[in-house]
Amino acid sequence: MSRPGRPGAAAPWPRRHPRALLLGPVALFLGAFFLGPLLAMLRVSLASNPGGTGYGDGVPFYVPGTWTLSNYARFVADPYFRSVTVLTLELGLLTAAVTTVVSYCLAWQIHRARPIVKTALLLVVVLPKFTNVLVLMYGFLLVFGASGLVNRALLAVGVIGAPLPMVYNLFAVVLAEVVLVLPYCVLVLVAALHAVDSDLEEAARSLGASEAQVFWHVVLPLSLPGVWVSLLLSFIWGLGAFVAPYLLGTPDLYTLAVEVDRQANWRLNWAMGAAVAMVMVALIAAVVAVYLGAQRRAEALA
């Protein structure tokens, strides 16, 4: 039998399995803080709810040891949950479309700016991420409320005769979601635009293409991977919207994320809240699976 250090000796385990050594801590972290809680939530969603307050009367929030699909059956059968699901999907699509268009316009301007201006613009874009989300949402009320800065300025110059309803509606919710997710999308799109070879643009111009033709036929197609990532990020963000619908919307604009809080903390129905949360996880997983499948098909055709 060969000894370590001699010719023919077996390499140490870390050298034979470098990927396992590197990915092991990550796998342990994800298993402990993501997969474990996710499985626990799945288990709670399959338990029955005994009713009652859960506080001081000896009634638990769910019945341990029970197994039932009644929570999911109720979710599918109840028109209220179906309407909330449709609204959540619509909000995700609207957030994805608006965020990606605005992000691409900003990313294009940042990409074409001088280095100093580019740095300043990037700092302005990421500035909202240095602010607490709740503070940012209440800032929306100060700016866009009935007595906010925007309405007061418009009233002062005589553009409007009465305050415009810019909060507690779909406009405020979408605008807040766009502001929250926009920095990530802008950074992704700036990176995608920087990856476009400038020589290809110069070659198109030398062949007589206008600036618009260079953009539509060279820059935009080559930056589409960044566009798809931006759509995916903003759509998932819209699906999980909680703070903006809760603070800037109305009960008619509550999403699945808000419903999880209502079921778990207001109605103390942990089993139903866990079921709604698992539906959200399934929706997000389905979106990611569709995106990855489309990406693999595009790579196969390339």
C-alpha atoms as a PDB file:
ATOM      1  CA  MET A   1       0.000   0.000   0.000  1.00  0.00           C
ATOM      2  CA  SER A   2       1.428   3.345  -1.020  1.00  0.00           C
ATOM      3  CA  ARG A   3       2.081   5.999   1.561  1.00  0.00           C
ATOM      4  CA  PRO A   4       1.303   9.684   1.087  1.00  0.00           C
ATOM      5  CA  GLY A   5       4.152  11.564  -0.509  1.00  0.00           C
ATOM      6  CA  ARG A   6       5.515   8.554  -2.455  1.00  0.00           C
ATOM      7  CA  PRO A   7       4.982   7.912  -6.180  1.00  0.00           C
ATOM      8  CA  GLY A   8       1.646   6.246  -6.779  1.00  0.00           C
ATOM      9  CA  ALA A   9       0.184   7.383  -3.482  1.00  0.00           C
ATOM     10  CA  ALA A  10      -3.440   8.459  -3.529  1.00  0.00           C
ATOM     11  CA  ALA A  11      -3.962  12.216  -3.418  1.00  0.00           C
ATOM     12  CA  PRO A  12      -5.526  13.660  -0.261  1.00  0.00           C
ATOM     13  CA  TRP A  13      -9.314  13.925  -0.265  1.00  0.00           C
ATOM     14  CA  PRO A  14      -9.380  17.745  -0.658  1.00  0.00           C
ATOM     15  CA  ARG A  15      -7.285  17.485  -3.831  1.00  0.00           C
ATOM     16  CA  ARG A  16      -9.460  14.723  -5.252  1.00  0.00           C
ATOM     17  CA  HIS A  17     -12.707  16.587  -4.503  1.00  0.00           C
ATOM     18  CA  PRO A  18     -11.963  20.330  -4.734  1.00  0.00           C
ATOM     19  CA  ARG A  19     -15.535  21.193  -5.718  1.00  0.00           C
ATOM     20  CA  ALA A  20     -16.966  19.434  -2.686  1.00  0.00           C
ATOM     21  CA  LEU A  21     -14.524  21.289  -0.469  1.00  0.00           C
ATOM     22  CA  LEU A  22     -15.550  24.653  -1.917  1.00  0.00           C
ATOM     23  CA  LEU A  23     -19.284  23.994  -2.185  1.00  0.00           C
ATOM     24  CA  GLY A  24     -19.632  22.175   1.125  1.00  0.00           C
ATOM     25  CA  PRO A  25     -19.921  25.283   3.339  1.00  0.00           C
ATOM     26  CA  VAL A  26     -22.359  26.863   0.890  1.00  0.00           C
ATOM     27  CA  ALA A  27     -24.489  23.710   0.816  1.00  0.00           C
ATOM     28  CA  LEU A  28     -24.528  23.534   4.615  1.00  0.00           C
ATOM     29  CA  PHE A  29     -25.522  27.195   4.872  1.00  0.00           C
ATOM     30  CA  LEU A  30     -28.330  26.869   2.316  1.00  0.00           C
ATOM     31  CA  GLY A  31     -29.533  23.640   3.878  1.00  0.00           C
ATOM     32  CA  ALA A  32     -29.656  25.116   7.372  1.00  0.00           C
ATOM     33  CA  PHE A  33     -31.102  28.528   6.562  1.00  0.00           C
ATOM     34  CA  PHE A  34     -33.096  27.947   3.355  1.00  0.00           C
ATOM     35  CA  LEU A  35     -33.995  24.322   2.698  1.00  0.00           C
ATOM     36  CA  GLY A  36     -34.637  23.507   6.365  1.00  0.00           C
ATOM     37  CA  PRO A  37     -37.076  26.390   6.991  1.00  0.00           C
ATOM     38  CA  LEU A  38     -38.701  25.735   3.613  1.00  0.00           C
ATOM     39  CA  LEU A  39     -39.381  22.100   4.509  1.00  0.00           C
ATOM     40  CA  ALA A  40     -40.669  23.165   7.929  1.00  0.00           C
ATOM     41  CA  MET A  41     -43.066  25.592   6.267  1.00  0.00           C
ATOM     42  CA  LEU A  42     -44.214  22.871   3.879  1.00  0.00           C
ATOM     43  CA  ARG A  43     -44.921  20.621   6.847  1.00  0.00           C
ATOM     44  CA  VAL A  44     -46.971  23.311   8.591  1.00  0.00           C
ATOM     45  CA  SER A  45     -48.961  23.909   5.401  1.00  0.00           C
ATOM     46  CA  LEU A  46     -50.023  20.253   5.484  1.00  0.00           C
ATOM     47  CA  ALA A  47     -51.325  20.462   9.061  1.00  0.00           C
ATOM     48  CA  SER A  48     -54.866  21.250  10.129  1.00  0.00           C
ATOM     49  CA  ASN A  49     -55.879  24.484  11.808  1.00  0.00           C
ATOM     50  CA  PRO A  50     -57.838  24.100  15.072  1.00  0.00           C
ATOM     51  CA  GLY A  51     -59.198  27.646  15.151  1.00  0.00           C
ATOM     52  CA  GLY A  52     -59.202  29.818  18.229  1.00  0.00           C
ATOM     53  CA  THR A  53     -56.912  32.685  19.102  1.00  0.00           C
ATOM     54  CA  GLY A  54     -53.823  30.688  19.924  1.00  0.00           C
ATOM     55  CA  TYR A  55     -53.082  32.980  22.855  1.00  0.00           C
ATOM     56  CA  GLY A  56     -53.862  32.057  26.437  1.00  0.00           C
ATOM     57  CA  ASP A  57     -56.566  29.478  25.711  1.00  0.00           C
ATOM     58  CA  GLY A  58     -54.331  26.460  25.134  1.00  0.00           C
ATOM     59  CA  VAL A  59     -55.158  26.266  21.423  1.00  0.00           C
ATOM     60  CA  PRO A  60     -52.097  25.956  19.125  1.00  0.00           C
ATOM     61  CA  PHE A  61     -51.703  27.821  15.853  1.00  0.00           C
ATOM     62  CA  TYR A  62     -51.876  24.485  14.011  1.00  0.00           C
ATOM     63  CA  VAL A  63     -52.307  20.857  15.012  1.00  0.00           C
ATOM     64  CA  PRO A  64     -48.913  19.093  15.049  1.00  0.00           C
ATOM     65  CA  GLY A  65     -48.878  15.562  13.710  1.00  0.00           C
ATOM     66  CA  THR A  66     -51.864  16.036  11.386  1.00  0.00           C
ATOM     67  CA  TRP A  67     -51.706  15.713   7.613  1.00  0.00           C
ATOM     68  CA  THR A  68     -54.228  17.323   5.297  1.00  0.00           C
ATOM     69  CA  LEU A  69     -54.517  19.004   1.912  1.00  0.00           C
ATOM     70  CA  SER A  70     -57.481  21.085   3.021  1.00  0.00           C
ATOM     71  CA  ASN A  71     -55.480  24.312   3.078  1.00  0.00           C
ATOM     72  CA  TYR A  72     -54.486  23.911  -0.569  1.00  0.00           C
ATOM     73  CA  ALA A  73     -58.008  22.812  -1.485  1.00  0.00           C
ATOM     74  CA  ARG A  74     -59.376  25.946   0.126  1.00  0.00           C
ATOM     75  CA  PHE A  75     -56.836  28.081  -1.727  1.00  0.00           C
ATOM     76  CA  VAL A  76     -57.884  26.631  -5.082  1.00  0.00           C
ATOM     77  CA  ALA A  77     -61.625  26.728  -4.377  1.00  0.00           C
ATOM     78  CA  ASP A  78     -61.878  30.157  -2.733  1.00  0.00           C
ATOM     79  CA  PRO A  79     -62.501  32.986  -5.282  1.00  0.00           C
ATOM     80  CA  TYR A  80     -60.744  35.439  -2.957  1.00  0.00           C
ATOM     81  CA  PHE A  81     -57.436  33.576  -3.112  1.00  0.00           C
ATOM     82  CA  ARG A  82     -57.767  33.196  -6.883  1.00  0.00           C
ATOM     83  CA  SER A  83     -58.289  36.933  -7.300  1.00  0.00           C
ATOM     84  CA  VAL A  84     -55.283  37.695  -5.075  1.00  0.00           C
ATOM     85  CA  THR A  85     -53.151  35.316  -7.158  1.00  0.00           C
ATOM     86  CA  VAL A  86     -54.228  36.955 -10.412  1.00  0.00           C
ATOM     87  CA  LEU A  87     -53.519  40.400  -8.978  1.00  0.00           C
ATOM     88  CA  THR A  88     -50.078  39.274  -7.807  1.00  0.00           C
ATOM     89  CA  LEU A  89     -49.210  37.966 -11.280  1.00  0.00           C
ATOM     90  CA  GLU A  90     -50.483  41.153 -12.912  1.00  0.00           C
ATOM     91  CA  LEU A  91     -48.428  43.280 -10.528  1.00  0.00           C
ATOM     92  CA  GLY A  92     -45.356  41.167 -11.284  1.00  0.00           C
ATOM     93  CA  LEU A  93     -45.814  41.574 -15.045  1.00  0.00           C
ATOM     94  CA  LEU A  94     -46.457  45.313 -14.775  1.00  0.00           C
ATOM     95  CA  THR A  95     -43.471  45.805 -12.496  1.00  0.00           C
ATOM     96  CA  ALA A  96     -41.245  43.801 -14.838  1.00  0.00           C
ATOM     97  CA  ALA A  97     -42.296  45.751 -17.936  1.00  0.00           C
ATOM     98  CA  VAL A  98     -42.018  49.232 -16.411  1.00  0.00           C
ATOM     99  CA  THR A  99     -38.808  48.509 -14.512  1.00  0.00           C
ATOM    100  CA  THR A 100     -37.025  47.006 -17.509  1.00  0.00           C
ATOM    101  CA  VAL A 101     -37.945  49.881 -19.841  1.00  0.00           C
ATOM    102  CA  VAL A 102     -36.897  52.549 -17.339  1.00  0.00           C
ATOM    103  CA  SER A 103     -33.769  50.610 -16.345  1.00  0.00           C
ATOM    104  CA  TYR A 104     -32.668  50.181 -19.949  1.00  0.00           C
ATOM    105  CA  CYS A 105     -33.057  53.904 -20.639  1.00  0.00           C
ATOM    106  CA  LEU A 106     -31.005  54.766 -17.551  1.00  0.00           C
ATOM    107  CA  ALA A 107     -28.419  52.086 -18.288  1.00  0.00           C
ATOM    108  CA  TRP A 108     -28.034  53.395 -21.860  1.00  0.00           C
ATOM    109  CA  GLN A 109     -27.388  56.919 -20.608  1.00  0.00           C
ATOM    110  CA  ILE A 110     -24.929  55.655 -17.990  1.00  0.00           C
ATOM    111  CA  HIS A 111     -23.155  53.541 -20.595  1.00  0.00           C
ATOM    112  CA  ARG A 112     -22.654  56.520 -22.915  1.00  0.00           C
ATOM    113  CA  ALA A 113     -21.672  58.989 -20.170  1.00  0.00           C
ATOM    114  CA  ARG A 114     -18.166  60.136 -19.331  1.00  0.00           C
ATOM    115  CA  PRO A 115     -16.400  58.241 -16.511  1.00  0.00           C
ATOM    116  CA  ILE A 116     -17.021  60.907 -13.843  1.00  0.00           C
ATOM    117  CA  VAL A 117     -20.652  61.353 -14.842  1.00  0.00           C
ATOM    118  CA  LYS A 118     -21.067  57.582 -15.037  1.00  0.00           C
ATOM    119  CA  THR A 119     -19.865  57.163 -11.460  1.00  0.00           C
ATOM    120  CA  ALA A 120     -22.205  59.916 -10.244  1.00  0.00           C
ATOM    121  CA  LEU A 121     -25.181  58.396 -12.039  1.00  0.00           C
ATOM    122  CA  LEU A 122     -24.466  54.942 -10.622  1.00  0.00           C
ATOM    123  CA  LEU A 123     -24.324  56.407  -7.114  1.00  0.00           C
ATOM    124  CA  VAL A 124     -27.677  58.110  -7.659  1.00  0.00           C
ATOM    125  CA  VAL A 125     -29.199  54.853  -8.925  1.00  0.00           C
ATOM    126  CA  VAL A 126     -28.071  52.745  -5.961  1.00  0.00           C
ATOM    127  CA  LEU A 127     -28.785  55.473  -3.369  1.00  0.00           C
ATOM    128  CA  PRO A 128     -32.285  54.107  -2.488  1.00  0.00           C
ATOM    129  CA  LYS A 129     -30.708  50.804  -1.397  1.00  0.00           C
ATOM    130  CA  PHE A 130     -28.903  52.655   1.415  1.00  0.00           C
ATOM    131  CA  THR A 131     -32.275  53.619   2.899  1.00  0.00           C
ATOM    132  CA  ASN A 132     -34.523  51.427   5.001  1.00  0.00           C
ATOM    133  CA  VAL A 133     -37.475  50.170   2.968  1.00  0.00           C
ATOM    134  CA  LEU A 134     -40.049  51.455   5.455  1.00  0.00           C
ATOM    135  CA  VAL A 135     -38.412  54.895   5.517  1.00  0.00           C
ATOM    136  CA  LEU A 136     -38.425  54.921   1.722  1.00  0.00           C
ATOM    137  CA  MET A 137     -42.124  54.019   1.568  1.00  0.00           C
ATOM    138  CA  TYR A 138     -43.079  56.712   4.058  1.00  0.00           C
ATOM    139  CA  GLY A 139     -40.983  59.096   1.981  1.00  0.00           C
ATOM    140  CA  PHE A 140     -43.337  58.319  -0.909  1.00  0.00           C
ATOM    141  CA  LEU A 141     -46.223  59.534   1.239  1.00  0.00           C
ATOM    142  CA  LEU A 142     -44.383  62.783   1.956  1.00  0.00           C
ATOM    143  CA  VAL A 143     -43.618  63.357  -1.724  1.00  0.00           C
ATOM    144  CA  PHE A 144     -46.742  62.064  -3.485  1.00  0.00           C
ATOM    145  CA  GLY A 145     -49.418  62.397  -0.798  1.00  0.00           C
ATOM    146  CA  ALA A 146     -52.376  64.771  -1.036  1.00  0.00           C
ATOM    147  CA  SER A 147     -50.348  67.385   0.854  1.00  0.00           C
ATOM    148  CA  GLY A 148     -47.011  66.153  -0.449  1.00  0.00           C
ATOM    149  CA  LEU A 149     -44.314  68.078  -2.270  1.00  0.00           C
ATOM    150  CA  VAL A 150     -45.542  67.215  -5.775  1.00  0.00           C
ATOM    151  CA  ASN A 151     -49.157  68.191  -5.205  1.00  0.00           C
ATOM    152  CA  ARG A 152     -48.196  71.377  -3.374  1.00  0.00           C
ATOM    153  CA  ALA A 153     -45.877  72.377  -6.216  1.00  0.00           C
ATOM    154  CA  LEU A 154     -48.546  71.715  -8.854  1.00  0.00           C
ATOM    155  CA  LEU A 155     -51.142  73.616  -6.849  1.00  0.00           C
ATOM    156  CA  ALA A 156     -48.753  76.528  -6.353  1.00  0.00           C
ATOM    157  CA  VAL A 157     -48.165  77.011 -10.087  1.00  0.00           C
ATOM    158  CA  GLY A 158     -51.850  76.524 -10.893  1.00  0.00           C
ATOM    159  CA  VAL A 159     -51.475  73.368 -12.979  1.00  0.00           C
ATOM    160  CA  ILE A 160     -54.143  71.549 -10.958  1.00  0.00           C
ATOM    161  CA  GLY A 161     -57.085  72.760  -8.884  1.00  0.00           C
ATOM    162  CA  ALA A 162     -57.185  69.829  -6.462  1.00  0.00           C
ATOM    163  CA  PRO A 163     -54.573  67.334  -5.217  1.00  0.00           C
ATOM    164  CA  LEU A 164     -53.978  64.398  -7.533  1.00  0.00           C
ATOM    165  CA  PRO A 165     -54.547  60.901  -6.043  1.00  0.00           C
ATOM    166  CA  MET A 166     -50.991  59.542  -6.326  1.00  0.00           C
ATOM    167  CA  VAL A 167     -50.961  57.222  -3.299  1.00  0.00           C
ATOM    168  CA  TYR A 168     -53.158  54.361  -2.114  1.00  0.00           C
ATOM    169  CA  ASN A 169     -53.617  53.164  -5.686  1.00  0.00           C
ATOM    170  CA  LEU A 170     -51.943  51.011  -8.333  1.00  0.00           C
ATOM    171  CA  PHE A 171     -49.753  53.895  -9.513  1.00  0.00           C
ATOM    172  CA  ALA A 172     -48.113  54.262  -6.100  1.00  0.00           C
ATOM    173  CA  VAL A 173     -47.590  50.507  -5.692  1.00  0.00           C
ATOM    174  CA  VAL A 174     -45.973  50.068  -9.116  1.00  0.00           C
ATOM    175  CA  LEU A 175     -43.831  53.195  -8.706  1.00  0.00           C
ATOM    176  CA  ALA A 176     -42.577  52.000  -5.319  1.00  0.00           C
ATOM    177  CA  GLU A 177     -41.772  48.537  -6.664  1.00  0.00           C
ATOM    178  CA  VAL A 178     -39.909  50.077  -9.601  1.00  0.00           C
ATOM    179  CA  VAL A 179     -37.809  52.230  -7.278  1.00  0.00           C
ATOM    180  CA  LEU A 180     -37.006  49.220  -5.074  1.00  0.00           C
ATOM    181  CA  VAL A 181     -35.852  46.865  -7.828  1.00  0.00           C
ATOM    182  CA  LEU A 182     -34.505  49.407 -10.343  1.00  0.00           C
ATOM    183  CA  PRO A 183     -30.902  49.541  -8.983  1.00  0.00           C
ATOM    184  CA  TYR A 184     -30.402  45.812  -9.548  1.00  0.00           C
ATOM    185  CA  CYS A 185     -31.789  45.954 -13.077  1.00  0.00           C
ATOM    186  CA  VAL A 186     -29.749  49.034 -14.005  1.00  0.00           C
ATOM    187  CA  LEU A 187     -26.523  47.395 -12.832  1.00  0.00           C
ATOM    188  CA  VAL A 188     -27.319  44.229 -14.801  1.00  0.00           C
ATOM    189  CA  LEU A 189     -28.104  46.206 -17.969  1.00  0.00           C
ATOM    190  CA  VAL A 190     -25.046  48.446 -17.643  1.00  0.00           C
ATOM    191  CA  ALA A 191     -22.899  45.309 -17.466  1.00  0.00           C
ATOM    192  CA  ALA A 192     -24.699  43.882 -20.518  1.00  0.00           C
ATOM    193  CA  LEU A 193     -24.143  47.081 -22.513  1.00  0.00           C
ATOM    194  CA  HIS A 194     -20.465  47.209 -21.531  1.00  0.00           C
ATOM    195  CA  ALA A 195     -20.108  43.657 -22.859  1.00  0.00           C
ATOM    196  CA  VAL A 196     -21.159  44.772 -26.362  1.00  0.00           C
ATOM    197  CA  ASP A 197     -18.068  45.091 -28.549  1.00  0.00           C
ATOM    198  CA  SER A 198     -17.732  48.737 -29.602  1.00  0.00           C
ATOM    199  CA  ASP A 199     -15.958  47.622 -32.793  1.00  0.00           C
ATOM    200  CA  LEU A 200     -19.236  46.114 -33.994  1.00  0.00           C
ATOM    201  CA  GLU A 201     -20.940  49.477 -33.564  1.00  0.00           C
ATOM    202  CA  GLU A 202     -18.150  51.240 -35.464  1.00  0.00           C
ATOM    203  CA  ALA A 203     -18.366  48.642 -38.219  1.00  0.00           C
ATOM    204  CA  ALA A 204     -22.105  49.238 -38.565  1.00  0.00           C
ATOM    205  CA  ARG A 205     -21.571  53.007 -38.748  1.00  0.00           C
ATOM    206  CA  SER A 206     -18.861  52.597 -41.353  1.00  0.00           C
ATOM    207  CA  LEU A 207     -21.339  50.678 -43.510  1.00  0.00           C
ATOM    208  CA  GLY A 208     -23.741  53.616 -43.407  1.00  0.00           C
ATOM    209  CA  ALA A 209     -26.002  52.662 -40.503  1.00  0.00           C
ATOM    210  CA  SER A 210     -27.576  55.492 -38.528  1.00  0.00           C
ATOM    211  CA  GLU A 211     -27.390  55.695 -34.737  1.00  0.00           C
ATOM    212  CA  ALA A 212     -30.929  54.317 -34.489  1.00  0.00           C
ATOM    213  CA  GLN A 213     -30.068  51.418 -36.797  1.00  0.00           C
ATOM    214  CA  VAL A 214     -26.905  50.683 -34.805  1.00  0.00           C
ATOM    215  CA  PHE A 215     -28.969  50.522 -31.627  1.00  0.00           C
ATOM    216  CA  TRP A 216     -31.823  48.389 -32.990  1.00  0.00           C
ATOM    217  CA  HIS A 217     -29.720  45.963 -35.039  1.00  0.00           C
ATOM    218  CA  VAL A 218     -26.481  45.736 -33.023  1.00  0.00           C
ATOM    219  CA  VAL A 219     -26.692  47.011 -29.440  1.00  0.00           C
ATOM    220  CA  LEU A 220     -30.185  45.841 -28.477  1.00  0.00           C
ATOM    221  CA  PRO A 221     -29.861  42.242 -29.784  1.00  0.00           C
ATOM    222  CA  LEU A 222     -26.468  41.800 -28.106  1.00  0.00           C
ATOM    223  CA  SER A 223     -27.746  43.187 -24.802  1.00  0.00           C
ATOM    224  CA  LEU A 224     -30.891  41.024 -24.742  1.00  0.00           C
ATOM    225  CA  PRO A 225     -29.432  38.587 -22.163  1.00  0.00           C
ATOM    226  CA  GLY A 226     -29.319  41.481 -19.705  1.00  0.00           C
ATOM    227  CA  VAL A 227     -32.884  42.431 -20.631  1.00  0.00           C
ATOM    228  CA  TRP A 228     -34.131  38.922 -19.854  1.00  0.00           C
ATOM    229  CA  VAL A 229     -32.332  38.918 -16.503  1.00  0.00           C
ATOM    230  CA  SER A 230     -33.865  42.311 -15.696  1.00  0.00           C
ATOM    231  CA  LEU A 231     -37.337  41.009 -16.550  1.00  0.00           C
ATOM    232  CA  LEU A 232     -36.808  37.942 -14.369  1.00  0.00           C
ATOM    233  CA  LEU A 233     -35.523  39.932 -11.378  1.00  0.00           C
ATOM    234  CA  SER A 234     -38.267  42.542 -11.503  1.00  0.00           C
ATOM    235  CA  PHE A 235     -41.015  39.967 -12.091  1.00  0.00           C
ATOM    236  CA  ILE A 236     -39.937  37.916  -9.075  1.00  0.00           C
ATOM    237  CA  TRP A 237     -39.708  41.124  -7.042  1.00  0.00           C
ATOM    238  CA  GLY A 238     -43.231  42.036  -8.089  1.00  0.00           C
ATOM    239  CA  LEU A 239     -44.521  38.576  -7.144  1.00  0.00           C
ATOM    240  CA  GLY A 240     -43.113  39.000  -3.650  1.00  0.00           C
ATOM    241  CA  ALA A 241     -44.309  42.590  -3.186  1.00  0.00           C
ATOM    242  CA  PHE A 242     -45.283  43.230   0.431  1.00  0.00           C
ATOM    243  CA  VAL A 243     -44.323  46.661   1.797  1.00  0.00           C
ATOM    244  CA  ALA A 244     -45.539  48.743  -1.164  1.00  0.00           C
ATOM    245  CA  PRO A 245     -49.023  47.141  -1.444  1.00  0.00           C
ATOM    246  CA  TYR A 246     -49.394  47.181   2.341  1.00  0.00           C
ATOM    247  CA  LEU A 247     -48.426  50.827   2.914  1.00  0.00           C
ATOM    248  CA  LEU A 248     -49.221  52.499  -0.417  1.00  0.00           C
ATOM    249  CA  GLY A 249     -52.071  50.330  -1.685  1.00  0.00           C
ATOM    250  CA  THR A 250     -55.571  49.389  -0.585  1.00  0.00           C
ATOM    251  CA  PRO A 251     -57.075  46.017   0.426  1.00  0.00           C
ATOM    252  CA  ASP A 252     -58.017  45.554  -3.227  1.00  0.00           C
ATOM    253  CA  LEU A 253     -54.293  45.644  -4.094  1.00  0.00           C
ATOM    254  CA  TYR A 254     -53.073  43.181  -1.448  1.00  0.00           C
ATOM    255  CA  THR A 255     -50.771  40.496  -2.857  1.00  0.00           C
ATOM    256  CA  LEU A 256     -50.032  36.927  -1.818  1.00  0.00           C
ATOM    257  CA  ALA A 257     -47.172  38.163   0.382  1.00  0.00           C
ATOM    258  CA  VAL A 258     -49.585  40.425   2.275  1.00  0.00           C
ATOM    259  CA  GLU A 259     -52.035  37.527   2.562  1.00  0.00           C
ATOM    260  CA  VAL A 260     -49.336  35.380   4.204  1.00  0.00           C
ATOM    261  CA  ASP A 261     -48.987  38.034   6.901  1.00  0.00           C
ATOM    262  CA  ARG A 262     -52.768  38.353   7.277  1.00  0.00           C
ATOM    263  CA  GLN A 263     -53.258  34.612   7.689  1.00  0.00           C
ATOM    264  CA  ALA A 264     -50.301  34.032  10.010  1.00  0.00           C
ATOM    265  CA  ASN A 265     -50.357  37.158  12.189  1.00  0.00           C
ATOM    266  CA  TRP A 266     -53.895  38.526  11.986  1.00  0.00           C
ATOM    267  CA  ARG A 267     -55.992  35.372  11.799  1.00  0.00           C
ATOM    268  CA  LEU A 268     -53.375  33.201  13.536  1.00  0.00           C
ATOM    269  CA  ASN A 269     -53.937  30.482  10.956  1.00  0.00           C
ATOM    270  CA  TRP A 270     -50.358  29.360  10.495  1.00  0.00           C
ATOM    271  CA  ALA A 271     -51.313  26.366   8.386  1.00  0.00           C
ATOM    272  CA  MET A 272     -53.145  28.501   5.817  1.00  0.00           C
ATOM    273  CA  GLY A 273     -50.422  31.149   5.882  1.00  0.00           C
ATOM    274  CA  ALA A 274     -47.817  28.481   5.190  1.00  0.00           C
ATOM    275  CA  ALA A 275     -49.920  27.132   2.314  1.00  0.00           C
ATOM    276  CA  VAL A 276     -50.154  30.577   0.723  1.00  0.00           C
ATOM    277  CA  ALA A 277     -46.401  31.006   1.162  1.00  0.00           C
ATOM    278  CA  MET A 278     -45.755  27.655  -0.530  1.00  0.00           C
ATOM    279  CA  VAL A 279     -47.934  28.712  -3.462  1.00  0.00           C
ATOM    280  CA  MET A 280     -45.746  31.816  -3.786  1.00  0.00           C
ATOM    281  CA  VAL A 281     -42.620  29.666  -3.747  1.00  0.00           C
ATOM    282  CA  ALA A 282     -44.126  27.401  -6.426  1.00  0.00           C
ATOM    283  CA  LEU A 283     -44.961  30.394  -8.646  1.00  0.00           C
ATOM    284  CA  ILE A 284     -41.438  31.785  -8.365  1.00  0.00           C
ATOM    285  CA  ALA A 285     -39.913  28.347  -8.995  1.00  0.00           C
ATOM    286  CA  ALA A 286     -42.095  27.958 -12.100  1.00  0.00           C
ATOM    287  CA  VAL A 287     -40.979  31.347 -13.432  1.00  0.00           C
ATOM    288  CA  VAL A 288     -37.316  30.511 -12.877  1.00  0.00           C
ATOM    289  CA  ALA A 289     -37.759  27.083 -14.499  1.00  0.00           C
ATOM    290  CA  VAL A 290     -39.364  28.647 -17.584  1.00  0.00           C
ATOM    291  CA  TYR A 291     -36.546  31.190 -17.811  1.00  0.00           C
ATOM    292  CA  LEU A 292     -33.806  28.557 -17.499  1.00  0.00           C
ATOM    293  CA  GLY A 293     -35.540  26.331 -20.072  1.00  0.00           C
ATOM    294  CA  ALA A 294     -35.804  29.213 -22.537  1.00  0.00           C
ATOM    295  CA  GLN A 295     -32.161  30.090 -21.932  1.00  0.00           C
ATOM    296  CA  ARG A 296     -31.031  26.516 -22.622  1.00  0.00           C
ATOM    297  CA  ARG A 297     -33.071  26.398 -25.842  1.00  0.00           C
ATOM    298  CA  ALA A 298     -31.582  29.724 -26.957  1.00  0.00           C
ATOM    299  CA  GLU A 299     -28.055  28.473 -26.272  1.00  0.00           C
ATOM    300  CA  ALA A 300     -28.771  25.270 -28.190  1.00  0.00           C
ATOM    301  CA  LEU A 301     -29.942  27.249 -31.221  1.00  0.00           C
ATOM    302  CA  ALA A 302     -27.003  29.650 -31.079  1.00  0.00           C
END
